[in-house]
């Protein structure tokens, strides 16, 4: 049996999806005018940038996607290229959400529309993105990547994780849990 190289990434997707559910709920409440905790959006930006992007996407981009390319998948006009493009698009939504939430926290009126639009843009993009990875790209990787490269992929994930400080994952899990509790 081949060594699994995608379950860890799927597990990380579960925490990211929980943050997306919070973004969806709070964007709806912000749009209705009943949610004014703009710090939530900045905490969401911090989660996305550090957990989803630097921690999770780094493993995909620097380890899994590189292994796919090294084993015959084209870098351009391929699933890898599409995933990288979506990672970049997601970063632009996060930047827009951060800018609007920062202005709102400073008391600048009328930022709700930009916060909501960027939050929804990001969460819609990322939900579809995660579904493509979990349902198409990861199963493809499991099928095509030979056993001989799998240990190196897992070692690459571990090396990427070691760049994070002790308690990193627990911190971001607790951020999500705090907002889930309300």
C-alpha atoms as a PDB file:
ATOM      1  CA  UNK A   1       0.000   0.000   0.000  1.00  0.00           C
ATOM      2  CA  UNK A   2       1.309   3.436  -0.958  1.00  0.00           C
ATOM      3  CA  UNK A   3       2.132   5.977   1.728  1.00  0.00           C
ATOM      4  CA  UNK A   4      -0.697   8.552   1.987  1.00  0.00           C
ATOM      5  CA  UNK A   5       0.448  12.024   0.939  1.00  0.00           C
ATOM      6  CA  UNK A   6      -2.774  14.043   1.059  1.00  0.00           C
ATOM      7  CA  UNK A   7      -4.704  13.158   4.230  1.00  0.00           C
ATOM      8  CA  UNK A   8      -2.765  15.711   6.290  1.00  0.00           C
ATOM      9  CA  UNK A   9      -3.723  18.431   3.806  1.00  0.00           C
ATOM     10  CA  UNK A  10      -7.377  17.309   3.857  1.00  0.00           C
ATOM     11  CA  UNK A  11      -7.343  17.457   7.658  1.00  0.00           C
ATOM     12  CA  UNK A  12      -6.045  21.040   7.509  1.00  0.00           C
ATOM     13  CA  UNK A  13      -8.844  21.867   5.069  1.00  0.00           C
ATOM     14  CA  UNK A  14     -11.348  20.967   7.788  1.00  0.00           C
ATOM     15  CA  UNK A  15     -10.119  23.750  10.088  1.00  0.00           C
ATOM     16  CA  UNK A  16     -10.029  26.188   7.167  1.00  0.00           C
ATOM     17  CA  UNK A  17     -13.633  25.269   6.297  1.00  0.00           C
ATOM     18  CA  UNK A  18     -14.655  25.999   9.880  1.00  0.00           C
ATOM     19  CA  UNK A  19     -13.169  29.505   9.539  1.00  0.00           C
ATOM     20  CA  UNK A  20     -15.005  29.915   6.238  1.00  0.00           C
ATOM     21  CA  UNK A  21     -18.288  29.031   7.967  1.00  0.00           C
ATOM     22  CA  UNK A  22     -17.580  31.766  10.526  1.00  0.00           C
ATOM     23  CA  UNK A  23     -16.791  34.254   7.754  1.00  0.00           C
ATOM     24  CA  UNK A  24     -20.039  33.372   6.025  1.00  0.00           C
ATOM     25  CA  UNK A  25     -22.131  33.753   9.167  1.00  0.00           C
ATOM     26  CA  UNK A  26     -20.515  37.014  10.246  1.00  0.00           C
ATOM     27  CA  UNK A  27     -20.558  38.519   6.741  1.00  0.00           C
ATOM     28  CA  UNK A  28     -24.315  37.902   6.636  1.00  0.00           C
ATOM     29  CA  UNK A  29     -24.725  39.531  10.062  1.00  0.00           C
ATOM     30  CA  UNK A  30     -22.485  42.449   9.061  1.00  0.00           C
ATOM     31  CA  UNK A  31     -24.580  42.970   5.936  1.00  0.00           C
ATOM     32  CA  UNK A  32     -27.731  42.956   8.088  1.00  0.00           C
ATOM     33  CA  UNK A  33     -26.127  45.529  10.401  1.00  0.00           C
ATOM     34  CA  UNK A  34     -26.079  43.323  13.515  1.00  0.00           C
ATOM     35  CA  UNK A  35     -22.382  42.376  13.596  1.00  0.00           C
ATOM     36  CA  UNK A  36     -19.837  45.124  14.206  1.00  0.00           C
ATOM     37  CA  UNK A  37     -16.925  43.105  15.609  1.00  0.00           C
ATOM     38  CA  UNK A  38     -14.464  44.150  12.921  1.00  0.00           C
ATOM     39  CA  UNK A  39     -11.633  42.589  14.923  1.00  0.00           C
ATOM     40  CA  UNK A  40     -13.090  39.224  13.918  1.00  0.00           C
ATOM     41  CA  UNK A  41     -12.223  39.998  10.291  1.00  0.00           C
ATOM     42  CA  UNK A  42      -8.655  40.936  11.215  1.00  0.00           C
ATOM     43  CA  UNK A  43      -8.377  37.724  13.233  1.00  0.00           C
ATOM     44  CA  UNK A  44      -9.732  35.927  10.164  1.00  0.00           C
ATOM     45  CA  UNK A  45      -7.083  37.611   8.008  1.00  0.00           C
ATOM     46  CA  UNK A  46      -4.406  36.508  10.473  1.00  0.00           C
ATOM     47  CA  UNK A  47      -5.748  32.921  10.381  1.00  0.00           C
ATOM     48  CA  UNK A  48      -5.901  32.906   6.585  1.00  0.00           C
ATOM     49  CA  UNK A  49      -2.462  34.419   6.074  1.00  0.00           C
ATOM     50  CA  UNK A  50      -0.673  32.313   8.646  1.00  0.00           C
ATOM     51  CA  UNK A  51      -2.563  29.026   8.851  1.00  0.00           C
ATOM     52  CA  UNK A  52      -4.221  28.705   5.438  1.00  0.00           C
ATOM     53  CA  UNK A  53      -1.551  30.421   3.375  1.00  0.00           C
ATOM     54  CA  UNK A  54       1.891  30.254   5.002  1.00  0.00           C
ATOM     55  CA  UNK A  55       1.324  26.904   6.702  1.00  0.00           C
ATOM     56  CA  UNK A  56      -1.079  24.972   4.456  1.00  0.00           C
ATOM     57  CA  UNK A  57      -0.643  26.507   1.002  1.00  0.00           C
ATOM     58  CA  UNK A  58       3.129  26.495   1.454  1.00  0.00           C
ATOM     59  CA  UNK A  59       3.024  22.696   1.759  1.00  0.00           C
ATOM     60  CA  UNK A  60       0.895  22.468  -1.352  1.00  0.00           C
ATOM     61  CA  UNK A  61       2.901  24.958  -3.408  1.00  0.00           C
ATOM     62  CA  UNK A  62       6.420  24.065  -2.291  1.00  0.00           C
ATOM     63  CA  UNK A  63       6.028  20.315  -1.789  1.00  0.00           C
ATOM     64  CA  UNK A  64       3.018  18.594  -3.387  1.00  0.00           C
ATOM     65  CA  UNK A  65       2.660  20.760  -6.494  1.00  0.00           C
ATOM     66  CA  UNK A  66       6.417  20.635  -7.112  1.00  0.00           C
ATOM     67  CA  UNK A  67       6.322  16.834  -6.828  1.00  0.00           C
ATOM     68  CA  UNK A  68       3.483  16.699  -9.344  1.00  0.00           C
ATOM     69  CA  UNK A  69       5.429  18.873 -11.804  1.00  0.00           C
ATOM     70  CA  UNK A  70       8.615  16.859 -11.244  1.00  0.00           C
ATOM     71  CA  UNK A  71       6.642  13.713 -12.048  1.00  0.00           C
ATOM     72  CA  UNK A  72       5.178  14.851 -15.334  1.00  0.00           C
ATOM     73  CA  UNK A  73       2.352  17.301 -14.698  1.00  0.00           C
ATOM     74  CA  UNK A  74       2.842  20.492 -16.707  1.00  0.00           C
ATOM     75  CA  UNK A  75       3.427  23.636 -14.669  1.00  0.00           C
ATOM     76  CA  UNK A  76       1.358  25.745 -17.095  1.00  0.00           C
ATOM     77  CA  UNK A  77      -2.207  25.036 -18.238  1.00  0.00           C
ATOM     78  CA  UNK A  78      -2.634  22.349 -15.614  1.00  0.00           C
ATOM     79  CA  UNK A  79      -4.410  21.727 -12.322  1.00  0.00           C
ATOM     80  CA  UNK A  80      -1.287  23.041 -10.551  1.00  0.00           C
ATOM     81  CA  UNK A  81      -1.448  26.317 -12.495  1.00  0.00           C
ATOM     82  CA  UNK A  82      -5.164  26.667 -11.695  1.00  0.00           C
ATOM     83  CA  UNK A  83      -4.592  26.076  -7.961  1.00  0.00           C
ATOM     84  CA  UNK A  84      -1.745  28.609  -7.846  1.00  0.00           C
ATOM     85  CA  UNK A  85      -3.884  31.193  -9.625  1.00  0.00           C
ATOM     86  CA  UNK A  86      -6.678  30.641  -7.097  1.00  0.00           C
ATOM     87  CA  UNK A  87      -4.235  30.983  -4.177  1.00  0.00           C
ATOM     88  CA  UNK A  88      -3.223  34.388  -5.591  1.00  0.00           C
ATOM     89  CA  UNK A  89      -6.834  35.470  -6.125  1.00  0.00           C
ATOM     90  CA  UNK A  90      -7.617  34.476  -2.547  1.00  0.00           C
ATOM     91  CA  UNK A  91      -4.766  36.672  -1.316  1.00  0.00           C
ATOM     92  CA  UNK A  92      -6.309  39.677  -3.071  1.00  0.00           C
ATOM     93  CA  UNK A  93      -9.658  39.117  -1.315  1.00  0.00           C
ATOM     94  CA  UNK A  94      -7.865  38.826   2.021  1.00  0.00           C
ATOM     95  CA  UNK A  95      -6.032  42.095   1.412  1.00  0.00           C
ATOM     96  CA  UNK A  96      -9.312  43.842   0.581  1.00  0.00           C
ATOM     97  CA  UNK A  97     -11.003  42.449   3.687  1.00  0.00           C
ATOM     98  CA  UNK A  98      -8.073  43.527   5.858  1.00  0.00           C
ATOM     99  CA  UNK A  99      -8.031  47.066   4.466  1.00  0.00           C
ATOM    100  CA  UNK A 100     -11.778  47.562   4.944  1.00  0.00           C
ATOM    101  CA  UNK A 101     -11.831  46.039   8.446  1.00  0.00           C
ATOM    102  CA  UNK A 102      -8.862  48.200   9.491  1.00  0.00           C
ATOM    103  CA  UNK A 103     -10.655  51.320   8.257  1.00  0.00           C
ATOM    104  CA  UNK A 104     -13.853  50.238  10.072  1.00  0.00           C
ATOM    105  CA  UNK A 105     -11.930  49.699  13.328  1.00  0.00           C
ATOM    106  CA  UNK A 106     -10.545  53.227  12.989  1.00  0.00           C
ATOM    107  CA  UNK A 107     -14.113  54.495  12.840  1.00  0.00           C
ATOM    108  CA  UNK A 108     -14.385  55.056   9.109  1.00  0.00           C
ATOM    109  CA  UNK A 109     -18.033  54.564   8.174  1.00  0.00           C
ATOM    110  CA  UNK A 110     -19.295  52.612   5.187  1.00  0.00           C
ATOM    111  CA  UNK A 111     -16.750  49.783   5.182  1.00  0.00           C
ATOM    112  CA  UNK A 112     -19.262  46.993   5.651  1.00  0.00           C
ATOM    113  CA  UNK A 113     -19.920  46.503   1.939  1.00  0.00           C
ATOM    114  CA  UNK A 114     -16.210  46.020   1.180  1.00  0.00           C
ATOM    115  CA  UNK A 115     -15.741  43.723   4.168  1.00  0.00           C
ATOM    116  CA  UNK A 116     -18.707  41.572   3.153  1.00  0.00           C
ATOM    117  CA  UNK A 117     -17.795  41.483  -0.559  1.00  0.00           C
ATOM    118  CA  UNK A 118     -14.205  40.432   0.115  1.00  0.00           C
ATOM    119  CA  UNK A 119     -15.175  37.918   2.807  1.00  0.00           C
ATOM    120  CA  UNK A 120     -17.748  36.325   0.506  1.00  0.00           C
ATOM    121  CA  UNK A 121     -15.416  36.405  -2.480  1.00  0.00           C
ATOM    122  CA  UNK A 122     -12.765  34.622  -0.458  1.00  0.00           C
ATOM    123  CA  UNK A 123     -15.022  32.042   1.128  1.00  0.00           C
ATOM    124  CA  UNK A 124     -16.780  31.192  -2.151  1.00  0.00           C
ATOM    125  CA  UNK A 125     -13.434  30.860  -3.931  1.00  0.00           C
ATOM    126  CA  UNK A 126     -11.849  28.791  -1.201  1.00  0.00           C
ATOM    127  CA  UNK A 127     -14.772  26.417  -0.744  1.00  0.00           C
ATOM    128  CA  UNK A 128     -14.677  25.597  -4.456  1.00  0.00           C
ATOM    129  CA  UNK A 129     -10.877  25.450  -4.353  1.00  0.00           C
ATOM    130  CA  UNK A 130     -10.842  22.999  -1.439  1.00  0.00           C
ATOM    131  CA  UNK A 131     -13.467  20.837  -3.168  1.00  0.00           C
ATOM    132  CA  UNK A 132     -11.307  20.690  -6.319  1.00  0.00           C
ATOM    133  CA  UNK A 133      -8.261  19.724  -4.280  1.00  0.00           C
ATOM    134  CA  UNK A 134     -10.023  17.158  -2.086  1.00  0.00           C
ATOM    135  CA  UNK A 135     -12.111  15.616  -4.883  1.00  0.00           C
ATOM    136  CA  UNK A 136      -9.857  15.927  -7.954  1.00  0.00           C
ATOM    137  CA  UNK A 137      -6.247  17.002  -7.417  1.00  0.00           C
ATOM    138  CA  UNK A 138      -5.426  15.027  -4.279  1.00  0.00           C
ATOM    139  CA  UNK A 139      -6.896  11.756  -5.597  1.00  0.00           C
ATOM    140  CA  UNK A 140      -4.954  12.371  -8.827  1.00  0.00           C
ATOM    141  CA  UNK A 141      -1.759  12.897  -6.830  1.00  0.00           C
ATOM    142  CA  UNK A 142      -2.410   9.699  -4.885  1.00  0.00           C
ATOM    143  CA  UNK A 143      -2.802   7.810  -8.178  1.00  0.00           C
ATOM    144  CA  UNK A 144       0.130   9.206 -10.148  1.00  0.00           C
ATOM    145  CA  UNK A 145       2.894   9.922  -7.633  1.00  0.00           C
ATOM    146  CA  UNK A 146       5.141   6.884  -7.273  1.00  0.00           C
ATOM    147  CA  UNK A 147       6.015   5.337  -3.930  1.00  0.00           C
ATOM    148  CA  UNK A 148       9.616   6.453  -4.359  1.00  0.00           C
ATOM    149  CA  UNK A 149       8.759  10.158  -3.948  1.00  0.00           C
ATOM    150  CA  UNK A 150       6.183   9.863  -1.174  1.00  0.00           C
ATOM    151  CA  UNK A 151       8.593   9.784   1.748  1.00  0.00           C
ATOM    152  CA  UNK A 152      10.191  12.976   0.422  1.00  0.00           C
ATOM    153  CA  UNK A 153       6.783  14.653   0.184  1.00  0.00           C
ATOM    154  CA  UNK A 154       5.899  13.755   3.773  1.00  0.00           C
ATOM    155  CA  UNK A 155       9.371  14.909   4.880  1.00  0.00           C
ATOM    156  CA  UNK A 156       8.779  18.172   2.996  1.00  0.00           C
ATOM    157  CA  UNK A 157       5.518  18.706   4.894  1.00  0.00           C
ATOM    158  CA  UNK A 158       7.300  18.051   8.190  1.00  0.00           C
ATOM    159  CA  UNK A 159      10.086  20.482   7.283  1.00  0.00           C
ATOM    160  CA  UNK A 160       7.505  23.150   6.434  1.00  0.00           C
ATOM    161  CA  UNK A 161       5.686  22.529   9.732  1.00  0.00           C
ATOM    162  CA  UNK A 162       8.944  22.855  11.687  1.00  0.00           C
ATOM    163  CA  UNK A 163       9.206  26.462  10.483  1.00  0.00           C
ATOM    164  CA  UNK A 164       6.200  27.262  12.672  1.00  0.00           C
ATOM    165  CA  UNK A 165       6.584  27.968  16.365  1.00  0.00           C
ATOM    166  CA  UNK A 166       5.509  25.439  18.971  1.00  0.00           C
ATOM    167  CA  UNK A 167       1.755  25.571  19.521  1.00  0.00           C
ATOM    168  CA  UNK A 168       1.084  27.138  16.103  1.00  0.00           C
ATOM    169  CA  UNK A 169      -1.713  24.776  15.043  1.00  0.00           C
ATOM    170  CA  UNK A 170      -3.256  24.778  18.514  1.00  0.00           C
ATOM    171  CA  UNK A 171      -3.299  28.587  18.515  1.00  0.00           C
ATOM    172  CA  UNK A 172      -5.238  28.789  15.249  1.00  0.00           C
ATOM    173  CA  UNK A 173      -7.581  25.970  16.271  1.00  0.00           C
ATOM    174  CA  UNK A 174      -8.329  27.927  19.470  1.00  0.00           C
ATOM    175  CA  UNK A 175      -9.020  31.109  17.453  1.00  0.00           C
ATOM    176  CA  UNK A 176     -11.612  29.238  15.414  1.00  0.00           C
ATOM    177  CA  UNK A 177     -13.114  27.610  18.514  1.00  0.00           C
ATOM    178  CA  UNK A 178     -13.341  30.964  20.313  1.00  0.00           C
ATOM    179  CA  UNK A 179     -15.423  32.454  17.508  1.00  0.00           C
ATOM    180  CA  UNK A 180     -17.503  29.294  17.149  1.00  0.00           C
ATOM    181  CA  UNK A 181     -18.460  29.623  20.828  1.00  0.00           C
ATOM    182  CA  UNK A 182     -19.544  33.186  20.118  1.00  0.00           C
END
